[in-house]
């Protein structure tokens, strides 16, 4: 039985648990930074309706199956929930990022990019 479970180990979380203070600070910092960036883009009359964000780190511990599948799924669910209640784009982006990062830290599934809009 242990041998069978050992084969599944590469699919589990590769990052250890974090303390709540670091989780909250990281999530809030990322959410506020995105909120500020989007507010500046909207305030300057820039187009925020589309964009591409690409990260290619296939050998990173954060790009392993657990992080990729669980992290993106958790982030998508959080973003859907935020967008059901929030119509302001800047607030929705900041809140989605903040809450998605917090959820990924709690599930030990941090994966870039974990929060996205549209």
PDB file of N, CA and C in Angstrom:
ATOM      1  N   UNK A   1       0.817  -1.185   0.000  1.00  0.00           N
ATOM      2  CA  UNK A   1       0.000   0.000   0.000  1.00  0.00           C
ATOM      3  C   UNK A   1       0.871   1.264   0.000  1.00  0.00           C
ATOM      4  N   UNK A   2       1.948   1.234   0.783  1.00  0.00           N
ATOM      5  CA  UNK A   2       2.823   2.404   0.843  1.00  0.00           C
ATOM      6  C   UNK A   2       3.487   2.690  -0.500  1.00  0.00           C
ATOM      7  N   UNK A   3       3.832   1.641  -1.221  1.00  0.00           N
ATOM      8  CA  UNK A   3       4.451   1.822  -2.543  1.00  0.00           C
ATOM      9  C   UNK A   3       3.478   2.499  -3.493  1.00  0.00           C
ATOM     10  N   UNK A   4       2.223   2.097  -3.441  1.00  0.00           N
ATOM     11  CA  UNK A   4       1.221   2.719  -4.309  1.00  0.00           C
ATOM     12  C   UNK A   4       1.025   4.185  -3.957  1.00  0.00           C
ATOM     13  N   UNK A   5       0.968   4.464  -2.676  1.00  0.00           N
ATOM     14  CA  UNK A   5       0.824   5.860  -2.260  1.00  0.00           C
ATOM     15  C   UNK A   5       2.067   6.678  -2.590  1.00  0.00           C
ATOM     16  N   UNK A   6       3.237   6.058  -2.508  1.00  0.00           N
ATOM     17  CA  UNK A   6       4.478   6.759  -2.833  1.00  0.00           C
ATOM     18  C   UNK A   6       4.502   7.189  -4.292  1.00  0.00           C
ATOM     19  N   UNK A   7       3.865   6.441  -5.152  1.00  0.00           N
ATOM     20  CA  UNK A   7       3.805   6.810  -6.574  1.00  0.00           C
ATOM     21  C   UNK A   7       2.975   8.069  -6.795  1.00  0.00           C
ATOM     22  N   UNK A   8       2.052   8.345  -5.903  1.00  0.00           N
ATOM     23  CA  UNK A   8       1.197   9.530  -6.033  1.00  0.00           C
ATOM     24  C   UNK A   8       1.815  10.792  -5.425  1.00  0.00           C
ATOM     25  N   UNK A   9       2.910  10.630  -4.680  1.00  0.00           N
ATOM     26  CA  UNK A   9       3.537  11.767  -4.011  1.00  0.00           C
ATOM     27  C   UNK A   9       3.872  12.926  -4.954  1.00  0.00           C
ATOM     28  N   UNK A  10       4.368  12.694  -6.185  1.00  0.00           N
ATOM     29  CA  UNK A  10       4.664  13.823  -7.069  1.00  0.00           C
ATOM     30  C   UNK A  10       3.435  14.652  -7.452  1.00  0.00           C
ATOM     31  N   UNK A  11       2.250  14.105  -7.280  1.00  0.00           N
ATOM     32  CA  UNK A  11       1.043  14.829  -7.640  1.00  0.00           C
ATOM     33  C   UNK A  11       0.482  15.670  -6.496  1.00  0.00           C
ATOM     34  N   UNK A  12       1.026  15.531  -5.309  1.00  0.00           N
ATOM     35  CA  UNK A  12       0.539  16.282  -4.147  1.00  0.00           C
ATOM     36  C   UNK A  12       1.203  17.642  -4.040  1.00  0.00           C
ATOM     37  N   UNK A  13       0.845  18.407  -3.013  1.00  0.00           N
ATOM     38  CA  UNK A  13       1.418  19.741  -2.831  1.00  0.00           C
ATOM     39  C   UNK A  13       2.935  19.676  -2.646  1.00  0.00           C
ATOM     40  N   UNK A  14       3.647  20.611  -3.282  1.00  0.00           N
ATOM     41  CA  UNK A  14       5.102  20.642  -3.149  1.00  0.00           C
ATOM     42  C   UNK A  14       5.564  21.771  -2.255  1.00  0.00           C
ATOM     43  N   UNK A  15       4.664  22.656  -1.874  1.00  0.00           N
ATOM     44  CA  UNK A  15       5.041  23.723  -0.957  1.00  0.00           C
ATOM     45  C   UNK A  15       4.428  23.434   0.402  1.00  0.00           C
ATOM     46  N   UNK A  16       5.140  23.829   1.423  1.00  0.00           N
ATOM     47  CA  UNK A  16       4.658  23.597   2.771  1.00  0.00           C
ATOM     48  C   UNK A  16       3.614  24.626   3.175  1.00  0.00           C
ATOM     49  N   UNK A  17       2.964  24.383   4.277  1.00  0.00           N
ATOM     50  CA  UNK A  17       1.967  25.334   4.753  1.00  0.00           C
ATOM     51  C   UNK A  17       2.640  26.635   5.182  1.00  0.00           C
ATOM     52  N   UNK A  18       1.911  27.735   5.089  1.00  0.00           N
ATOM     53  CA  UNK A  18       2.418  29.031   5.523  1.00  0.00           C
ATOM     54  C   UNK A  18       1.616  29.504   6.713  1.00  0.00           C
ATOM     55  N   UNK A  19       2.181  30.475   7.419  1.00  0.00           N
ATOM     56  CA  UNK A  19       1.412  31.004   8.535  1.00  0.00           C
ATOM     57  C   UNK A  19       0.386  32.020   8.025  1.00  0.00           C
ATOM     58  N   UNK A  20      -0.617  32.272   8.810  1.00  0.00           N
ATOM     59  CA  UNK A  20      -1.729  33.119   8.377  1.00  0.00           C
ATOM     60  C   UNK A  20      -1.301  34.552   8.112  1.00  0.00           C
ATOM     61  N   UNK A  21      -0.359  35.038   8.861  1.00  0.00           N
ATOM     62  CA  UNK A  21       0.114  36.423   8.672  1.00  0.00           C
ATOM     63  C   UNK A  21       0.760  36.587   7.301  1.00  0.00           C
ATOM     64  N   UNK A  22       1.630  35.666   6.909  1.00  0.00           N
ATOM     65  CA  UNK A  22       2.274  35.739   5.594  1.00  0.00           C
ATOM     66  C   UNK A  22       1.254  35.564   4.472  1.00  0.00           C
ATOM     67  N   UNK A  23       0.306  34.653   4.677  1.00  0.00           N
ATOM     68  CA  UNK A  23      -0.741  34.441   3.675  1.00  0.00           C
ATOM     69  C   UNK A  23      -1.553  35.713   3.473  1.00  0.00           C
ATOM     70  N   UNK A  24      -1.993  36.322   4.550  1.00  0.00           N
ATOM     71  CA  UNK A  24      -2.799  37.542   4.459  1.00  0.00           C
ATOM     72  C   UNK A  24      -2.004  38.685   3.845  1.00  0.00           C
ATOM     73  N   UNK A  25      -0.750  38.849   4.237  1.00  0.00           N
ATOM     74  CA  UNK A  25       0.076  39.933   3.701  1.00  0.00           C
ATOM     75  C   UNK A  25       0.339  39.754   2.211  1.00  0.00           C
ATOM     76  N   UNK A  26       0.621  38.542   1.781  1.00  0.00           N
ATOM     77  CA  UNK A  26       0.879  38.280   0.364  1.00  0.00           C
ATOM     78  C   UNK A  26      -0.364  38.504  -0.480  1.00  0.00           C
ATOM     79  N   UNK A  27      -1.475  37.979  -0.016  1.00  0.00           N
ATOM     80  CA  UNK A  27      -2.725  38.115  -0.762  1.00  0.00           C
ATOM     81  C   UNK A  27      -3.163  39.576  -0.821  1.00  0.00           C
ATOM     82  N   UNK A  28      -3.113  40.261   0.296  1.00  0.00           N
ATOM     83  CA  UNK A  28      -3.528  41.667   0.321  1.00  0.00           C
ATOM     84  C   UNK A  28      -2.598  42.532  -0.524  1.00  0.00           C
ATOM     85  N   UNK A  29      -1.313  42.285  -0.456  1.00  0.00           N
ATOM     86  CA  UNK A  29      -0.355  43.063  -1.246  1.00  0.00           C
ATOM     87  C   UNK A  29      -0.575  42.902  -2.741  1.00  0.00           C
ATOM     88  N   UNK A  30      -0.767  41.673  -3.182  1.00  0.00           N
ATOM     89  CA  UNK A  30      -1.007  41.436  -4.607  1.00  0.00           C
ATOM     90  C   UNK A  30      -2.339  42.029  -5.048  1.00  0.00           C
ATOM     91  N   UNK A  31      -3.352  41.875  -4.228  1.00  0.00           N
ATOM     92  CA  UNK A  31      -4.660  42.433  -4.572  1.00  0.00           C
ATOM     93  C   UNK A  31      -4.632  43.946  -4.655  1.00  0.00           C
ATOM     94  N   UNK A  32      -3.985  44.596  -3.690  1.00  0.00           N
ATOM     95  CA  UNK A  32      -3.895  46.059  -3.708  1.00  0.00           C
ATOM     96  C   UNK A  32      -3.053  46.560  -4.877  1.00  0.00           C
ATOM     97  N   UNK A  33      -1.980  45.855  -5.193  1.00  0.00           N
ATOM     98  CA  UNK A  33      -1.142  46.259  -6.325  1.00  0.00           C
ATOM     99  C   UNK A  33      -1.916  46.189  -7.634  1.00  0.00           C
ATOM    100  N   UNK A  34      -2.658  45.114  -7.843  1.00  0.00           N
ATOM    101  CA  UNK A  34      -3.465  45.003  -9.061  1.00  0.00           C
ATOM    102  C   UNK A  34      -4.589  46.026  -9.082  1.00  0.00           C
ATOM    103  N   UNK A  35      -5.210  46.269  -7.947  1.00  0.00           N
ATOM    104  CA  UNK A  35      -6.258  47.277  -7.863  1.00  0.00           C
ATOM    105  C   UNK A  35      -5.716  48.644  -8.260  1.00  0.00           C
ATOM    106  N   UNK A  36      -4.549  48.999  -7.753  1.00  0.00           N
ATOM    107  CA  UNK A  36      -3.925  50.281  -8.076  1.00  0.00           C
ATOM    108  C   UNK A  36      -3.557  50.352  -9.558  1.00  0.00           C
ATOM    109  N   UNK A  37      -2.967  49.299 -10.097  1.00  0.00           N
ATOM    110  CA  UNK A  37      -2.588  49.290 -11.518  1.00  0.00           C
ATOM    111  C   UNK A  37      -3.806  49.464 -12.429  1.00  0.00           C
ATOM    112  N   UNK A  38      -4.854  48.726 -12.147  1.00  0.00           N
ATOM    113  CA  UNK A  38      -6.050  48.825 -12.978  1.00  0.00           C
ATOM    114  C   UNK A  38      -6.700  50.194 -12.825  1.00  0.00           C
ATOM    115  N   UNK A  39      -6.724  50.713 -11.616  1.00  0.00           N
ATOM    116  CA  UNK A  39      -7.298  52.045 -11.407  1.00  0.00           C
ATOM    117  C   UNK A  39      -6.521  53.099 -12.193  1.00  0.00           C
ATOM    118  N   UNK A  40      -5.206  52.969 -12.244  1.00  0.00           N
ATOM    119  CA  UNK A  40      -4.385  53.913 -13.016  1.00  0.00           C
ATOM    120  C   UNK A  40      -4.646  53.772 -14.520  1.00  0.00           C
ATOM    121  N   UNK A  41      -4.799  52.546 -14.996  1.00  0.00           N
ATOM    122  CA  UNK A  41      -5.079  52.321 -16.418  1.00  0.00           C
ATOM    123  C   UNK A  41      -6.440  52.900 -16.786  1.00  0.00           C
ATOM    124  N   UNK A  42      -7.432  52.620 -15.975  1.00  0.00           N
ATOM    125  CA  UNK A  42      -8.772  53.135 -16.246  1.00  0.00           C
ATOM    126  C   UNK A  42      -8.796  54.652 -16.133  1.00  0.00           C
ATOM    127  N   UNK A  43      -8.119  55.188 -15.120  1.00  0.00           N
ATOM    128  CA  UNK A  43      -8.075  56.633 -14.919  1.00  0.00           C
ATOM    129  C   UNK A  43      -7.393  57.372 -16.052  1.00  0.00           C
ATOM    130  N   UNK A  44      -6.444  56.718 -16.714  1.00  0.00           N
ATOM    131  CA  UNK A  44      -5.732  57.368 -17.816  1.00  0.00           C
ATOM    132  C   UNK A  44      -6.441  57.154 -19.153  1.00  0.00           C
ATOM    133  N   UNK A  45      -7.562  56.462 -19.133  1.00  0.00           N
ATOM    134  CA  UNK A  45      -8.312  56.218 -20.363  1.00  0.00           C
ATOM    135  C   UNK A  45      -7.795  55.036 -21.157  1.00  0.00           C
ATOM    136  N   UNK A  46      -6.938  54.213 -20.564  1.00  0.00           N
ATOM    137  CA  UNK A  46      -6.379  53.051 -21.258  1.00  0.00           C
ATOM    138  C   UNK A  46      -7.405  51.941 -21.412  1.00  0.00           C
ATOM    139  N   UNK A  47      -7.140  51.057 -22.353  1.00  0.00           N
ATOM    140  CA  UNK A  47      -8.035  49.931 -22.615  1.00  0.00           C
ATOM    141  C   UNK A  47      -7.661  48.759 -21.706  1.00  0.00           C
ATOM    142  N   UNK A  48      -8.579  48.317 -20.895  1.00  0.00           N
ATOM    143  CA  UNK A  48      -8.346  47.192 -19.989  1.00  0.00           C
ATOM    144  C   UNK A  48      -9.187  45.975 -20.353  1.00  0.00           C
ATOM    145  N   UNK A  49      -9.749  45.980 -21.537  1.00  0.00           N
ATOM    146  CA  UNK A  49     -10.693  44.921 -21.890  1.00  0.00           C
ATOM    147  C   UNK A  49     -10.025  43.620 -22.319  1.00  0.00           C
ATOM    148  N   UNK A  50      -8.757  43.655 -22.678  1.00  0.00           N
ATOM    149  CA  UNK A  50      -8.102  42.408 -23.066  1.00  0.00           C
ATOM    150  C   UNK A  50      -6.623  42.473 -22.722  1.00  0.00           C
ATOM    151  N   UNK A  51      -6.018  41.339 -22.668  1.00  0.00           N
ATOM    152  CA  UNK A  51      -4.598  41.268 -22.369  1.00  0.00           C
ATOM    153  C   UNK A  51      -4.168  39.829 -22.217  1.00  0.00           C
ATOM    154  N   UNK A  52      -2.871  39.605 -22.250  1.00  0.00           N
ATOM    155  CA  UNK A  52      -2.316  38.263 -22.124  1.00  0.00           C
ATOM    156  C   UNK A  52      -1.216  38.311 -21.085  1.00  0.00           C
ATOM    157  N   UNK A  53      -1.225  37.315 -20.228  1.00  0.00           N
ATOM    158  CA  UNK A  53      -0.214  37.196 -19.190  1.00  0.00           C
ATOM    159  C   UNK A  53       0.345  35.793 -19.309  1.00  0.00           C
ATOM    160  N   UNK A  54       1.628  35.669 -19.628  1.00  0.00           N
ATOM    161  CA  UNK A  54       2.216  34.362 -19.887  1.00  0.00           C
ATOM    162  C   UNK A  54       3.388  34.123 -18.950  1.00  0.00           C
ATOM    163  N   UNK A  55       3.371  32.983 -18.293  1.00  0.00           N
ATOM    164  CA  UNK A  55       4.491  32.561 -17.451  1.00  0.00           C
ATOM    165  C   UNK A  55       4.866  31.154 -17.898  1.00  0.00           C
ATOM    166  N   UNK A  56       6.130  30.957 -18.212  1.00  0.00           N
ATOM    167  CA  UNK A  56       6.594  29.641 -18.651  1.00  0.00           C
ATOM    168  C   UNK A  56       7.715  29.172 -17.734  1.00  0.00           C
ATOM    169  N   UNK A  57       7.357  28.410 -16.731  1.00  0.00           N
ATOM    170  CA  UNK A  57       8.314  27.835 -15.789  1.00  0.00           C
ATOM    171  C   UNK A  57       7.969  26.363 -15.555  1.00  0.00           C
ATOM    172  N   UNK A  58       8.131  25.515 -16.575  1.00  0.00           N
ATOM    173  CA  UNK A  58       7.674  24.127 -16.457  1.00  0.00           C
ATOM    174  C   UNK A  58       8.370  23.308 -15.381  1.00  0.00           C
ATOM    175  N   UNK A  59       9.582  23.655 -14.988  1.00  0.00           N
ATOM    176  CA  UNK A  59      10.297  22.878 -13.977  1.00  0.00           C
ATOM    177  C   UNK A  59      10.174  23.462 -12.579  1.00  0.00           C
ATOM    178  N   UNK A  60       9.409  24.515 -12.442  1.00  0.00           N
ATOM    179  CA  UNK A  60       9.220  25.146 -11.147  1.00  0.00           C
ATOM    180  C   UNK A  60       8.392  24.249 -10.235  1.00  0.00           C
ATOM    181  N   UNK A  61       8.684  24.254  -8.932  1.00  0.00           N
ATOM    182  CA  UNK A  61       7.838  23.504  -8.003  1.00  0.00           C
ATOM    183  C   UNK A  61       6.381  23.990  -8.036  1.00  0.00           C
ATOM    184  N   UNK A  62       6.184  25.231  -8.453  1.00  0.00           N
ATOM    185  CA  UNK A  62       4.833  25.780  -8.516  1.00  0.00           C
ATOM    186  C   UNK A  62       4.082  25.348  -9.770  1.00  0.00           C
ATOM    187  N   UNK A  63       4.764  24.694 -10.699  1.00  0.00           N
ATOM    188  CA  UNK A  63       4.125  24.274 -11.954  1.00  0.00           C
ATOM    189  C   UNK A  63       3.899  22.770 -12.004  1.00  0.00           C
ATOM    190  N   UNK A  64       3.725  22.170 -10.854  1.00  0.00           N
ATOM    191  CA  UNK A  64       3.509  20.735 -10.786  1.00  0.00           C
ATOM    192  C   UNK A  64       2.006  20.436 -10.768  1.00  0.00           C
ATOM    193  N   UNK A  65       1.614  19.184 -10.976  1.00  0.00           N
ATOM    194  CA  UNK A  65       0.192  18.873 -11.145  1.00  0.00           C
ATOM    195  C   UNK A  65      -0.731  19.411 -10.052  1.00  0.00           C
ATOM    196  N   UNK A  66      -0.378  19.237  -8.789  1.00  0.00           N
ATOM    197  CA  UNK A  66      -1.261  19.711  -7.720  1.00  0.00           C
ATOM    198  C   UNK A  66      -1.484  21.216  -7.835  1.00  0.00           C
ATOM    199  N   UNK A  67      -0.408  21.946  -7.966  1.00  0.00           N
ATOM    200  CA  UNK A  67      -0.517  23.400  -8.047  1.00  0.00           C
ATOM    201  C   UNK A  67      -1.257  23.844  -9.299  1.00  0.00           C
ATOM    202  N   UNK A  68      -0.956  23.215 -10.409  1.00  0.00           N
ATOM    203  CA  UNK A  68      -1.585  23.621 -11.666  1.00  0.00           C
ATOM    204  C   UNK A  68      -3.085  23.349 -11.659  1.00  0.00           C
ATOM    205  N   UNK A  69      -3.476  22.177 -11.239  1.00  0.00           N
ATOM    206  CA  UNK A  69      -4.892  21.800 -11.295  1.00  0.00           C
ATOM    207  C   UNK A  69      -5.686  22.454 -10.167  1.00  0.00           C
ATOM    208  N   UNK A  70      -5.251  22.254  -8.948  1.00  0.00           N
ATOM    209  CA  UNK A  70      -5.996  22.788  -7.809  1.00  0.00           C
ATOM    210  C   UNK A  70      -5.899  24.314  -7.762  1.00  0.00           C
ATOM    211  N   UNK A  71      -4.713  24.861  -7.994  1.00  0.00           N
ATOM    212  CA  UNK A  71      -4.550  26.318  -7.945  1.00  0.00           C
ATOM    213  C   UNK A  71      -5.409  27.049  -8.961  1.00  0.00           C
ATOM    214  N   UNK A  72      -5.415  26.580 -10.183  1.00  0.00           N
ATOM    215  CA  UNK A  72      -6.230  27.228 -11.210  1.00  0.00           C
ATOM    216  C   UNK A  72      -7.721  27.015 -10.971  1.00  0.00           C
ATOM    217  N   UNK A  73      -8.105  25.841 -10.487  1.00  0.00           N
ATOM    218  CA  UNK A  73      -9.516  25.578 -10.215  1.00  0.00           C
ATOM    219  C   UNK A  73     -10.024  26.454  -9.073  1.00  0.00           C
ATOM    220  N   UNK A  74      -9.259  26.516  -7.996  1.00  0.00           N
ATOM    221  CA  UNK A  74      -9.639  27.355  -6.858  1.00  0.00           C
ATOM    222  C   UNK A  74      -9.725  28.823  -7.289  1.00  0.00           C
ATOM    223  N   UNK A  75      -8.757  29.282  -8.055  1.00  0.00           N
ATOM    224  CA  UNK A  75      -8.753  30.670  -8.509  1.00  0.00           C
ATOM    225  C   UNK A  75      -9.940  30.980  -9.404  1.00  0.00           C
ATOM    226  N   UNK A  76     -10.267  30.049 -10.281  1.00  0.00           N
ATOM    227  CA  UNK A  76     -11.410  30.258 -11.176  1.00  0.00           C
ATOM    228  C   UNK A  76     -12.709  30.346 -10.382  1.00  0.00           C
ATOM    229  N   UNK A  77     -12.877  29.483  -9.403  1.00  0.00           N
ATOM    230  CA  UNK A  77     -14.089  29.509  -8.589  1.00  0.00           C
ATOM    231  C   UNK A  77     -14.191  30.800  -7.781  1.00  0.00           C
ATOM    232  N   UNK A  78     -13.078  31.228  -7.225  1.00  0.00           N
ATOM    233  CA  UNK A  78     -13.068  32.486  -6.473  1.00  0.00           C
ATOM    234  C   UNK A  78     -13.405  33.653  -7.399  1.00  0.00           C
ATOM    235  N   UNK A  79     -12.776  33.695  -8.569  1.00  0.00           N
ATOM    236  CA  UNK A  79     -13.027  34.793  -9.506  1.00  0.00           C
ATOM    237  C   UNK A  79     -14.481  34.815  -9.960  1.00  0.00           C
ATOM    238  N   UNK A  80     -15.069  33.657 -10.196  1.00  0.00           N
ATOM    239  CA  UNK A  80     -16.484  33.611 -10.575  1.00  0.00           C
ATOM    240  C   UNK A  80     -17.362  34.174  -9.468  1.00  0.00           C
ATOM    241  N   UNK A  81     -17.051  33.830  -8.243  1.00  0.00           N
ATOM    242  CA  UNK A  81     -17.814  34.359  -7.115  1.00  0.00           C
ATOM    243  C   UNK A  81     -17.685  35.865  -6.984  1.00  0.00           C
ATOM    244  N   UNK A  82     -16.471  36.369  -7.151  1.00  0.00           N
ATOM    245  CA  UNK A  82     -16.249  37.813  -7.056  1.00  0.00           C
ATOM    246  C   UNK A  82     -16.992  38.539  -8.166  1.00  0.00           C
ATOM    247  N   UNK A  83     -16.942  38.016  -9.361  1.00  0.00           N
ATOM    248  CA  UNK A  83     -17.562  38.693 -10.502  1.00  0.00           C
ATOM    249  C   UNK A  83     -19.087  38.620 -10.472  1.00  0.00           C
ATOM    250  N   UNK A  84     -19.647  37.724  -9.682  1.00  0.00           N
ATOM    251  CA  UNK A  84     -21.088  37.700  -9.504  1.00  0.00           C
ATOM    252  C   UNK A  84     -21.560  38.900  -8.681  1.00  0.00           C
ATOM    253  N   UNK A  85     -20.689  39.371  -7.776  1.00  0.00           N
ATOM    254  CA  UNK A  85     -21.066  40.442  -6.861  1.00  0.00           C
ATOM    255  C   UNK A  85     -20.442  41.793  -7.178  1.00  0.00           C
ATOM    256  N   UNK A  86     -19.432  41.840  -8.031  1.00  0.00           N
ATOM    257  CA  UNK A  86     -18.684  43.076  -8.265  1.00  0.00           C
ATOM    258  C   UNK A  86     -18.735  43.447  -9.731  1.00  0.00           C
ATOM    259  N   UNK A  87     -19.154  44.660 -10.018  1.00  0.00           N
ATOM    260  CA  UNK A  87     -19.229  45.126 -11.406  1.00  0.00           C
ATOM    261  C   UNK A  87     -18.107  46.101 -11.752  1.00  0.00           C
ATOM    262  N   UNK A  88     -17.454  46.673 -10.748  1.00  0.00           N
ATOM    263  CA  UNK A  88     -16.350  47.601 -10.996  1.00  0.00           C
ATOM    264  C   UNK A  88     -15.105  46.798 -11.379  1.00  0.00           C
ATOM    265  N   UNK A  89     -14.531  47.032 -12.586  1.00  0.00           N
ATOM    266  CA  UNK A  89     -13.391  46.211 -13.038  1.00  0.00           C
ATOM    267  C   UNK A  89     -12.183  46.269 -12.110  1.00  0.00           C
ATOM    268  N   UNK A  90     -11.809  47.440 -11.642  1.00  0.00           N
ATOM    269  CA  UNK A  90     -10.632  47.548 -10.791  1.00  0.00           C
ATOM    270  C   UNK A  90     -10.836  46.787  -9.483  1.00  0.00           C
ATOM    271  N   UNK A  91     -11.983  46.939  -8.885  1.00  0.00           N
ATOM    272  CA  UNK A  91     -12.270  46.243  -7.636  1.00  0.00           C
ATOM    273  C   UNK A  91     -12.345  44.735  -7.854  1.00  0.00           C
ATOM    274  N   UNK A  92     -12.944  44.319  -8.957  1.00  0.00           N
ATOM    275  CA  UNK A  92     -13.059  42.891  -9.247  1.00  0.00           C
ATOM    276  C   UNK A  92     -11.691  42.253  -9.449  1.00  0.00           C
ATOM    277  N   UNK A  93     -10.806  42.931 -10.155  1.00  0.00           N
ATOM    278  CA  UNK A  93      -9.466  42.384 -10.399  1.00  0.00           C
ATOM    279  C   UNK A  93      -8.694  42.275  -9.095  1.00  0.00           C
ATOM    280  N   UNK A  94      -8.694  43.348  -8.317  1.00  0.00           N
ATOM    281  CA  UNK A  94      -7.975  43.328  -7.042  1.00  0.00           C
ATOM    282  C   UNK A  94      -8.516  42.295  -6.080  1.00  0.00           C
ATOM    283  N   UNK A  95      -9.840  42.223  -5.957  1.00  0.00           N
ATOM    284  CA  UNK A  95     -10.452  41.262  -5.043  1.00  0.00           C
ATOM    285  C   UNK A  95     -10.225  39.823  -5.515  1.00  0.00           C
ATOM    286  N   UNK A  96     -10.331  39.599  -6.819  1.00  0.00           N
ATOM    287  CA  UNK A  96     -10.094  38.242  -7.349  1.00  0.00           C
ATOM    288  C   UNK A  96      -8.675  37.782  -7.052  1.00  0.00           C
ATOM    289  N   UNK A  97      -7.715  38.655  -7.290  1.00  0.00           N
ATOM    290  CA  UNK A  97      -6.316  38.288  -7.032  1.00  0.00           C
ATOM    291  C   UNK A  97      -6.075  38.045  -5.554  1.00  0.00           C
ATOM    292  N   UNK A  98      -6.562  38.937  -4.729  1.00  0.00           N
ATOM    293  CA  UNK A  98      -6.359  38.819  -3.287  1.00  0.00           C
ATOM    294  C   UNK A  98      -6.962  37.525  -2.741  1.00  0.00           C
ATOM    295  N   UNK A  99      -8.210  37.290  -3.053  1.00  0.00           N
ATOM    296  CA  UNK A  99      -8.895  36.103  -2.534  1.00  0.00           C
ATOM    297  C   UNK A  99      -8.369  34.811  -3.161  1.00  0.00           C
ATOM    298  N   UNK A 100      -7.997  34.852  -4.437  1.00  0.00           N
ATOM    299  CA  UNK A 100      -7.439  33.660  -5.088  1.00  0.00           C
ATOM    300  C   UNK A 100      -6.104  33.280  -4.476  1.00  0.00           C
ATOM    301  N   UNK A 101      -5.253  34.258  -4.249  1.00  0.00           N
ATOM    302  CA  UNK A 101      -3.959  33.958  -3.623  1.00  0.00           C
ATOM    303  C   UNK A 101      -4.141  33.397  -2.225  1.00  0.00           C
ATOM    304  N   UNK A 102      -5.050  33.990  -1.472  1.00  0.00           N
ATOM    305  CA  UNK A 102      -5.322  33.460  -0.139  1.00  0.00           C
ATOM    306  C   UNK A 102      -5.801  32.017  -0.189  1.00  0.00           C
ATOM    307  N   UNK A 103      -6.713  31.728  -1.116  1.00  0.00           N
ATOM    308  CA  UNK A 103      -7.227  30.361  -1.255  1.00  0.00           C
ATOM    309  C   UNK A 103      -6.137  29.391  -1.705  1.00  0.00           C
ATOM    310  N   UNK A 104      -5.263  29.836  -2.607  1.00  0.00           N
ATOM    311  CA  UNK A 104      -4.178  28.951  -3.064  1.00  0.00           C
ATOM    312  C   UNK A 104      -3.174  28.691  -1.948  1.00  0.00           C
ATOM    313  N   UNK A 105      -2.888  29.702  -1.116  1.00  0.00           N
ATOM    314  CA  UNK A 105      -2.004  29.468   0.021  1.00  0.00           C
ATOM    315  C   UNK A 105      -2.626  28.448   0.970  1.00  0.00           C
ATOM    316  N   UNK A 106      -3.920  28.583   1.237  1.00  0.00           N
ATOM    317  CA  UNK A 106      -4.580  27.675   2.171  1.00  0.00           C
ATOM    318  C   UNK A 106      -4.626  26.244   1.645  1.00  0.00           C
ATOM    319  N   UNK A 107      -4.748  26.070   0.340  1.00  0.00           N
ATOM    320  CA  UNK A 107      -4.777  24.726  -0.249  1.00  0.00           C
ATOM    321  C   UNK A 107      -3.390  24.249  -0.676  1.00  0.00           C
ATOM    322  N   UNK A 108      -2.367  25.058  -0.402  1.00  0.00           N
ATOM    323  CA  UNK A 108      -0.986  24.751  -0.784  1.00  0.00           C
ATOM    324  C   UNK A 108      -0.878  24.459  -2.274  1.00  0.00           C
ATOM    325  N   UNK A 109      -1.563  25.273  -3.056  1.00  0.00           N
ATOM    326  CA  UNK A 109      -1.591  25.065  -4.509  1.00  0.00           C
ATOM    327  C   UNK A 109      -1.223  26.334  -5.270  1.00  0.00           C
ATOM    328  N   UNK A 110      -0.303  27.115  -4.734  1.00  0.00           N
ATOM    329  CA  UNK A 110       0.104  28.364  -5.371  1.00  0.00           C
ATOM    330  C   UNK A 110       0.618  28.079  -6.780  1.00  0.00           C
ATOM    331  N   UNK A 111       0.060  28.757  -7.745  1.00  0.00           N
ATOM    332  CA  UNK A 111       0.409  28.518  -9.140  1.00  0.00           C
ATOM    333  C   UNK A 111       0.248  29.805  -9.944  1.00  0.00           C
ATOM    334  N   UNK A 112       1.318  30.266 -10.585  1.00  0.00           N
ATOM    335  CA  UNK A 112       1.175  31.464 -11.412  1.00  0.00           C
ATOM    336  C   UNK A 112       0.654  31.106 -12.789  1.00  0.00           C
ATOM    337  N   UNK A 113      -0.141  31.851 -13.452  1.00  0.00           N
ATOM    338  CA  UNK A 113      -0.956  32.914 -12.864  1.00  0.00           C
ATOM    339  C   UNK A 113      -2.198  32.301 -12.217  1.00  0.00           C
ATOM    340  N   UNK A 114      -2.434  32.637 -10.996  1.00  0.00           N
ATOM    341  CA  UNK A 114      -3.544  32.028 -10.276  1.00  0.00           C
ATOM    342  C   UNK A 114      -4.804  32.833 -10.278  1.00  0.00           C
ATOM    343  N   UNK A 115      -4.724  34.092 -10.563  1.00  0.00           N
ATOM    344  CA  UNK A 115      -5.927  34.933 -10.570  1.00  0.00           C
ATOM    345  C   UNK A 115      -5.987  35.646 -11.913  1.00  0.00           C
ATOM    346  N   UNK A 116      -7.105  35.612 -12.517  1.00  0.00           N
ATOM    347  CA  UNK A 116      -7.221  36.269 -13.813  1.00  0.00           C
ATOM    348  C   UNK A 116      -8.596  36.878 -13.982  1.00  0.00           C
ATOM    349  N   UNK A 117      -8.679  37.860 -14.824  1.00  0.00           N
ATOM    350  CA  UNK A 117      -9.940  38.539 -15.087  1.00  0.00           C
ATOM    351  C   UNK A 117     -10.273  38.353 -16.548  1.00  0.00           C
ATOM    352  N   UNK A 118     -11.485  38.012 -16.852  1.00  0.00           N
ATOM    353  CA  UNK A 118     -12.046  37.769 -18.180  1.00  0.00           C
ATOM    354  C   UNK A 118     -11.749  36.386 -18.633  1.00  0.00           C
TER     355      UNK A 118
END
